[in-house]
Amino acid sequence: MAEIVLNGKPRTVEPGSTLKILLEELGLDPRWIVAEKNGDPVARNRFDATVLADGDRIELVRPVAGG
């Protein structure tokens, strides 16, 4: 198991898990998520290639429209 920090809270993920798998586990649609891994933005088309490792800090944000 790998220990990551997701939006400031510890979370355990399976070894080799990707950002896409994490979003699926959380029930989030990747089309509506902005993600950062260790402070760097991750392009949506890279979610399935972004492997999570022990100690990674992941931030997920769902943008909303408003005014």
PDB file of N, CA and C in Angstrom:
ATOM      1  N   MET A   1       0.837  -1.183   0.000  1.00  0.00           N
ATOM      2  CA  MET A   1       0.000   0.000   0.000  1.00  0.00           C
ATOM      3  C   MET A   1       0.885   1.251   0.000  1.00  0.00           C
ATOM      4  N   ALA A   2       0.357   2.306  -0.593  1.00  0.00           N
ATOM      5  CA  ALA A   2       1.057   3.588  -0.629  1.00  0.00           C
ATOM      6  C   ALA A   2       0.229   4.604   0.144  1.00  0.00           C
ATOM      7  N   GLU A   3       0.901   5.415   0.915  1.00  0.00           N
ATOM      8  CA  GLU A   3       0.252   6.475   1.682  1.00  0.00           C
ATOM      9  C   GLU A   3       0.432   7.798   0.943  1.00  0.00           C
ATOM     10  N   ILE A   4      -0.679   8.424   0.580  1.00  0.00           N
ATOM     11  CA  ILE A   4      -0.644   9.738  -0.052  1.00  0.00           C
ATOM     12  C   ILE A   4      -1.391  10.719   0.838  1.00  0.00           C
ATOM     13  N   VAL A   5      -1.310  11.987   0.496  1.00  0.00           N
ATOM     14  CA  VAL A   5      -2.091  13.022   1.166  1.00  0.00           C
ATOM     15  C   VAL A   5      -3.029  13.591   0.114  1.00  0.00           C
ATOM     16  N   LEU A   6      -4.326  13.433   0.334  1.00  0.00           N
ATOM     17  CA  LEU A   6      -5.340  13.884  -0.610  1.00  0.00           C
ATOM     18  C   LEU A   6      -6.101  15.048  -0.001  1.00  0.00           C
ATOM     19  N   ASN A   7      -5.937  16.230  -0.595  1.00  0.00           N
ATOM     20  CA  ASN A   7      -6.581  17.444  -0.090  1.00  0.00           C
ATOM     21  C   ASN A   7      -6.350  17.612   1.410  1.00  0.00           C
ATOM     22  N   GLY A   8      -5.100  17.357   1.827  1.00  0.00           N
ATOM     23  CA  GLY A   8      -4.706  17.584   3.209  1.00  0.00           C
ATOM     24  C   GLY A   8      -4.993  16.449   4.167  1.00  0.00           C
ATOM     25  N   LYS A   9      -5.566  15.337   3.674  1.00  0.00           N
ATOM     26  CA  LYS A   9      -5.901  14.214   4.546  1.00  0.00           C
ATOM     27  C   LYS A   9      -5.193  12.957   4.064  1.00  0.00           C
ATOM     28  N   PRO A  10      -4.678  12.150   4.999  1.00  0.00           N
ATOM     29  CA  PRO A  10      -3.999  10.924   4.588  1.00  0.00           C
ATOM     30  C   PRO A  10      -4.972   9.937   3.933  1.00  0.00           C
ATOM     31  N   ARG A  11      -4.450   9.199   2.951  1.00  0.00           N
ATOM     32  CA  ARG A  11      -5.260   8.192   2.258  1.00  0.00           C
ATOM     33  C   ARG A  11      -4.317   7.089   1.784  1.00  0.00           C
ATOM     34  N   THR A  12      -4.794   5.876   1.863  1.00  0.00           N
ATOM     35  CA  THR A  12      -4.040   4.719   1.390  1.00  0.00           C
ATOM     36  C   THR A  12      -4.551   4.321   0.019  1.00  0.00           C
ATOM     37  N   VAL A  13      -3.624   4.057  -0.898  1.00  0.00           N
ATOM     38  CA  VAL A  13      -3.983   3.601  -2.244  1.00  0.00           C
ATOM     39  C   VAL A  13      -3.181   2.341  -2.564  1.00  0.00           C
ATOM     40  N   GLU A  14      -3.687   1.582  -3.517  1.00  0.00           N
ATOM     41  CA  GLU A  14      -2.990   0.384  -3.970  1.00  0.00           C
ATOM     42  C   GLU A  14      -1.716   0.781  -4.715  1.00  0.00           C
ATOM     43  N   PRO A  15      -0.653  -0.003  -4.591  1.00  0.00           N
ATOM     44  CA  PRO A  15       0.550   0.280  -5.372  1.00  0.00           C
ATOM     45  C   PRO A  15       0.220   0.280  -6.867  1.00  0.00           C
ATOM     46  N   GLY A  16       0.777   1.231  -7.596  1.00  0.00           N
ATOM     47  CA  GLY A  16       0.529   1.326  -9.026  1.00  0.00           C
ATOM     48  C   GLY A  16      -0.746   2.052  -9.399  1.00  0.00           C
ATOM     49  N   SER A  17      -1.500   2.522  -8.396  1.00  0.00           N
ATOM     50  CA  SER A  17      -2.728   3.268  -8.691  1.00  0.00           C
ATOM     51  C   SER A  17      -2.387   4.546  -9.443  1.00  0.00           C
ATOM     52  N   THR A  18      -3.291   4.935 -10.318  1.00  0.00           N
ATOM     53  CA  THR A  18      -3.120   6.177 -11.070  1.00  0.00           C
ATOM     54  C   THR A  18      -4.109   7.219 -10.557  1.00  0.00           C
ATOM     55  N   LEU A  19      -3.912   8.422 -11.005  1.00  0.00           N
ATOM     56  CA  LEU A  19      -4.841   9.491 -10.653  1.00  0.00           C
ATOM     57  C   LEU A  19      -6.244   9.156 -11.163  1.00  0.00           C
ATOM     58  N   LYS A  20      -6.333   8.560 -12.348  1.00  0.00           N
ATOM     59  CA  LYS A  20      -7.630   8.169 -12.901  1.00  0.00           C
ATOM     60  C   LYS A  20      -8.322   7.139 -12.002  1.00  0.00           C
ATOM     61  N   ILE A  21      -7.587   6.156 -11.511  1.00  0.00           N
ATOM     62  CA  ILE A  21      -8.161   5.147 -10.613  1.00  0.00           C
ATOM     63  C   ILE A  21      -8.646   5.800  -9.328  1.00  0.00           C
ATOM     64  N   LEU A  22      -7.873   6.731  -8.785  1.00  0.00           N
ATOM     65  CA  LEU A  22      -8.278   7.438  -7.571  1.00  0.00           C
ATOM     66  C   LEU A  22      -9.591   8.176  -7.790  1.00  0.00           C
ATOM     67  N   LEU A  23      -9.709   8.880  -8.914  1.00  0.00           N
ATOM     68  CA  LEU A  23     -10.950   9.603  -9.210  1.00  0.00           C
ATOM     69  C   LEU A  23     -12.127   8.641  -9.319  1.00  0.00           C
ATOM     70  N   GLU A  24     -11.911   7.482  -9.947  1.00  0.00           N
ATOM     71  CA  GLU A  24     -12.975   6.477 -10.043  1.00  0.00           C
ATOM     72  C   GLU A  24     -13.405   6.000  -8.661  1.00  0.00           C
ATOM     73  N   GLU A  25     -12.426   5.735  -7.785  1.00  0.00           N
ATOM     74  CA  GLU A  25     -12.731   5.299  -6.414  1.00  0.00           C
ATOM     75  C   GLU A  25     -13.544   6.353  -5.670  1.00  0.00           C
ATOM     76  N   LEU A  26     -13.269   7.612  -5.957  1.00  0.00           N
ATOM     77  CA  LEU A  26     -13.968   8.712  -5.289  1.00  0.00           C
ATOM     78  C   LEU A  26     -15.299   9.046  -5.963  1.00  0.00           C
ATOM     79  N   GLY A  27     -15.568   8.437  -7.111  1.00  0.00           N
ATOM     80  CA  GLY A  27     -16.806   8.705  -7.831  1.00  0.00           C
ATOM     81  C   GLY A  27     -16.812  10.069  -8.510  1.00  0.00           C
ATOM     82  N   LEU A  28     -15.636  10.552  -8.900  1.00  0.00           N
ATOM     83  CA  LEU A  28     -15.523  11.868  -9.522  1.00  0.00           C
ATOM     84  C   LEU A  28     -15.303  11.731 -11.026  1.00  0.00           C
ATOM     85  N   ASP A  29     -15.978  12.566 -11.789  1.00  0.00           N
ATOM     86  CA  ASP A  29     -15.846  12.583 -13.231  1.00  0.00           C
ATOM     87  C   ASP A  29     -14.609  13.399 -13.599  1.00  0.00           C
ATOM     88  N   PRO A  30     -13.606  12.782 -14.231  1.00  0.00           N
ATOM     89  CA  PRO A  30     -12.367  13.503 -14.535  1.00  0.00           C
ATOM     90  C   PRO A  30     -12.558  14.727 -15.428  1.00  0.00           C
ATOM     91  N   ARG A  31     -13.658  14.795 -16.170  1.00  0.00           N
ATOM     92  CA  ARG A  31     -13.897  15.964 -17.024  1.00  0.00           C
ATOM     93  C   ARG A  31     -14.093  17.233 -16.213  1.00  0.00           C
ATOM     94  N   TRP A  32     -14.463  17.092 -14.938  1.00  0.00           N
ATOM     95  CA  TRP A  32     -14.802  18.262 -14.122  1.00  0.00           C
ATOM     96  C   TRP A  32     -13.849  18.450 -12.943  1.00  0.00           C
ATOM     97  N   ILE A  33     -12.645  17.860 -13.037  1.00  0.00           N
ATOM     98  CA  ILE A  33     -11.687  17.942 -11.942  1.00  0.00           C
ATOM     99  C   ILE A  33     -10.401  18.621 -12.414  1.00  0.00           C
ATOM    100  N   VAL A  34      -9.869  19.487 -11.579  1.00  0.00           N
ATOM    101  CA  VAL A  34      -8.538  20.051 -11.762  1.00  0.00           C
ATOM    102  C   VAL A  34      -7.662  19.385 -10.710  1.00  0.00           C
ATOM    103  N   ALA A  35      -6.502  18.873 -11.138  1.00  0.00           N
ATOM    104  CA  ALA A  35      -5.657  18.111 -10.214  1.00  0.00           C
ATOM    105  C   ALA A  35      -4.238  18.648 -10.192  1.00  0.00           C
ATOM    106  N   GLU A  36      -3.632  18.534  -8.996  1.00  0.00           N
ATOM    107  CA  GLU A  36      -2.210  18.818  -8.815  1.00  0.00           C
ATOM    108  C   GLU A  36      -1.581  17.627  -8.120  1.00  0.00           C
ATOM    109  N   LYS A  37      -0.359  17.311  -8.532  1.00  0.00           N
ATOM    110  CA  LYS A  37       0.436  16.283  -7.858  1.00  0.00           C
ATOM    111  C   LYS A  37       1.718  16.943  -7.385  1.00  0.00           C
ATOM    112  N   ASN A  38       1.915  16.970  -6.094  1.00  0.00           N
ATOM    113  CA  ASN A  38       3.094  17.579  -5.490  1.00  0.00           C
ATOM    114  C   ASN A  38       3.295  19.022  -5.955  1.00  0.00           C
ATOM    115  N   GLY A  39       2.172  19.747  -6.077  1.00  0.00           N
ATOM    116  CA  GLY A  39       2.216  21.161  -6.424  1.00  0.00           C
ATOM    117  C   GLY A  39       2.250  21.463  -7.911  1.00  0.00           C
ATOM    118  N   ASP A  40       2.342  20.427  -8.735  1.00  0.00           N
ATOM    119  CA  ASP A  40       2.376  20.630 -10.186  1.00  0.00           C
ATOM    120  C   ASP A  40       1.040  20.234 -10.800  1.00  0.00           C
ATOM    121  N   PRO A  41       0.504  21.060 -11.709  1.00  0.00           N
ATOM    122  CA  PRO A  41      -0.764  20.700 -12.350  1.00  0.00           C
ATOM    123  C   PRO A  41      -0.601  19.450 -13.211  1.00  0.00           C
ATOM    124  N   VAL A  42      -1.680  18.666 -13.269  1.00  0.00           N
ATOM    125  CA  VAL A  42      -1.699  17.464 -14.104  1.00  0.00           C
ATOM    126  C   VAL A  42      -2.773  17.662 -15.168  1.00  0.00           C
ATOM    127  N   ALA A  43      -2.374  17.553 -16.426  1.00  0.00           N
ATOM    128  CA  ALA A  43      -3.336  17.681 -17.527  1.00  0.00           C
ATOM    129  C   ALA A  43      -4.313  16.510 -17.492  1.00  0.00           C
ATOM    130  N   ARG A  44      -5.563  16.768 -17.818  1.00  0.00           N
ATOM    131  CA  ARG A  44      -6.581  15.709 -17.787  1.00  0.00           C
ATOM    132  C   ARG A  44      -6.195  14.512 -18.647  1.00  0.00           C
ATOM    133  N   ASN A  45      -5.557  14.773 -19.777  1.00  0.00           N
ATOM    134  CA  ASN A  45      -5.187  13.661 -20.647  1.00  0.00           C
ATOM    135  C   ASN A  45      -4.022  12.839 -20.088  1.00  0.00           C
ATOM    136  N   ARG A  46      -3.490  13.230 -18.925  1.00  0.00           N
ATOM    137  CA  ARG A  46      -2.412  12.486 -18.260  1.00  0.00           C
ATOM    138  C   ARG A  46      -2.882  11.790 -16.982  1.00  0.00           C
ATOM    139  N   PHE A  47      -4.170  11.907 -16.643  1.00  0.00           N
ATOM    140  CA  PHE A  47      -4.662  11.286 -15.401  1.00  0.00           C
ATOM    141  C   PHE A  47      -4.392   9.785 -15.378  1.00  0.00           C
ATOM    142  N   ASP A  48      -4.579   9.111 -16.524  1.00  0.00           N
ATOM    143  CA  ASP A  48      -4.401   7.655 -16.551  1.00  0.00           C
ATOM    144  C   ASP A  48      -2.933   7.245 -16.543  1.00  0.00           C
ATOM    145  N   ALA A  49      -2.020   8.160 -16.832  1.00  0.00           N
ATOM    146  CA  ALA A  49      -0.590   7.860 -16.846  1.00  0.00           C
ATOM    147  C   ALA A  49       0.128   8.374 -15.600  1.00  0.00           C
ATOM    148  N   THR A  50      -0.607   9.062 -14.723  1.00  0.00           N
ATOM    149  CA  THR A  50      -0.008   9.646 -13.520  1.00  0.00           C
ATOM    150  C   THR A  50      -0.111   8.652 -12.372  1.00  0.00           C
ATOM    151  N   VAL A  51       0.997   7.952 -12.111  1.00  0.00           N
ATOM    152  CA  VAL A  51       1.038   6.928 -11.069  1.00  0.00           C
ATOM    153  C   VAL A  51       1.277   7.597  -9.719  1.00  0.00           C
ATOM    154  N   LEU A  52       0.519   7.145  -8.723  1.00  0.00           N
ATOM    155  CA  LEU A  52       0.645   7.682  -7.370  1.00  0.00           C
ATOM    156  C   LEU A  52       1.683   6.885  -6.597  1.00  0.00           C
ATOM    157  N   ALA A  53       2.520   7.583  -5.849  1.00  0.00           N
ATOM    158  CA  ALA A  53       3.581   6.951  -5.078  1.00  0.00           C
ATOM    159  C   ALA A  53       3.486   7.381  -3.621  1.00  0.00           C
ATOM    160  N   ASP A  54       4.091   6.599  -2.771  1.00  0.00           N
ATOM    161  CA  ASP A  54       4.126   6.887  -1.342  1.00  0.00           C
ATOM    162  C   ASP A  54       4.630   8.310  -1.115  1.00  0.00           C
ATOM    163  N   GLY A  55       3.885   9.086  -0.334  1.00  0.00           N
ATOM    164  CA  GLY A  55       4.275  10.446   0.004  1.00  0.00           C
ATOM    165  C   GLY A  55       3.757  11.528  -0.930  1.00  0.00           C
ATOM    166  N   ASP A  56       3.127  11.140  -2.045  1.00  0.00           N
ATOM    167  CA  ASP A  56       2.593  12.145  -2.963  1.00  0.00           C
ATOM    168  C   ASP A  56       1.516  12.982  -2.285  1.00  0.00           C
ATOM    169  N   ARG A  57       1.498  14.253  -2.652  1.00  0.00           N
ATOM    170  CA  ARG A  57       0.457  15.180  -2.182  1.00  0.00           C
ATOM    171  C   ARG A  57      -0.424  15.505  -3.377  1.00  0.00           C
ATOM    172  N   ILE A  58      -1.695  15.118  -3.294  1.00  0.00           N
ATOM    173  CA  ILE A  58      -2.642  15.304  -4.383  1.00  0.00           C
ATOM    174  C   ILE A  58      -3.695  16.313  -3.937  1.00  0.00           C
ATOM    175  N   GLU A  59      -3.943  17.287  -4.806  1.00  0.00           N
ATOM    176  CA  GLU A  59      -5.011  18.258  -4.574  1.00  0.00           C
ATOM    177  C   GLU A  59      -6.012  18.127  -5.721  1.00  0.00           C
ATOM    178  N   LEU A  60      -7.270  17.952  -5.386  1.00  0.00           N
ATOM    179  CA  LEU A  60      -8.349  17.866  -6.372  1.00  0.00           C
ATOM    180  C   LEU A  60      -9.330  18.992  -6.126  1.00  0.00           C
ATOM    181  N   VAL A  61      -9.699  19.676  -7.201  1.00  0.00           N
ATOM    182  CA  VAL A  61     -10.630  20.790  -7.106  1.00  0.00           C
ATOM    183  C   VAL A  61     -11.666  20.616  -8.207  1.00  0.00           C
ATOM    184  N   ARG A  62     -12.907  20.894  -7.860  1.00  0.00           N
ATOM    185  CA  ARG A  62     -13.983  20.899  -8.845  1.00  0.00           C
ATOM    186  C   ARG A  62     -14.358  22.360  -9.091  1.00  0.00           C
ATOM    187  N   PRO A  63     -13.973  22.910 -10.253  1.00  0.00           N
ATOM    188  CA  PRO A  63     -14.289  24.311 -10.526  1.00  0.00           C
ATOM    189  C   PRO A  63     -15.799  24.523 -10.618  1.00  0.00           C
ATOM    190  N   VAL A  64     -16.248  25.673 -10.176  1.00  0.00           N
ATOM    191  CA  VAL A  64     -17.667  26.019 -10.270  1.00  0.00           C
ATOM    192  C   VAL A  64     -17.800  27.383 -10.908  1.00  0.00           C
ATOM    193  N   ALA A  65     -18.856  27.535 -11.659  1.00  0.00           N
ATOM    194  CA  ALA A  65     -19.125  28.833 -12.287  1.00  0.00           C
ATOM    195  C   ALA A  65     -19.936  29.699 -11.318  1.00  0.00           C
ATOM    196  N   GLY A  66     -19.774  30.945 -11.455  1.00  0.00           N
ATOM    197  CA  GLY A  66     -20.537  31.840 -10.591  1.00  0.00           C
ATOM    198  C   GLY A  66     -20.128  33.278 -10.862  1.00  0.00           C
ATOM    199  N   GLY A  67     -20.725  34.126 -10.103  1.00  0.00           N
ATOM    200  CA  GLY A  67     -20.344  35.498 -10.371  1.00  0.00           C
ATOM    201  C   GLY A  67     -20.899  36.450  -9.422  1.00  0.00           C
TER     202      GLY A  67
END
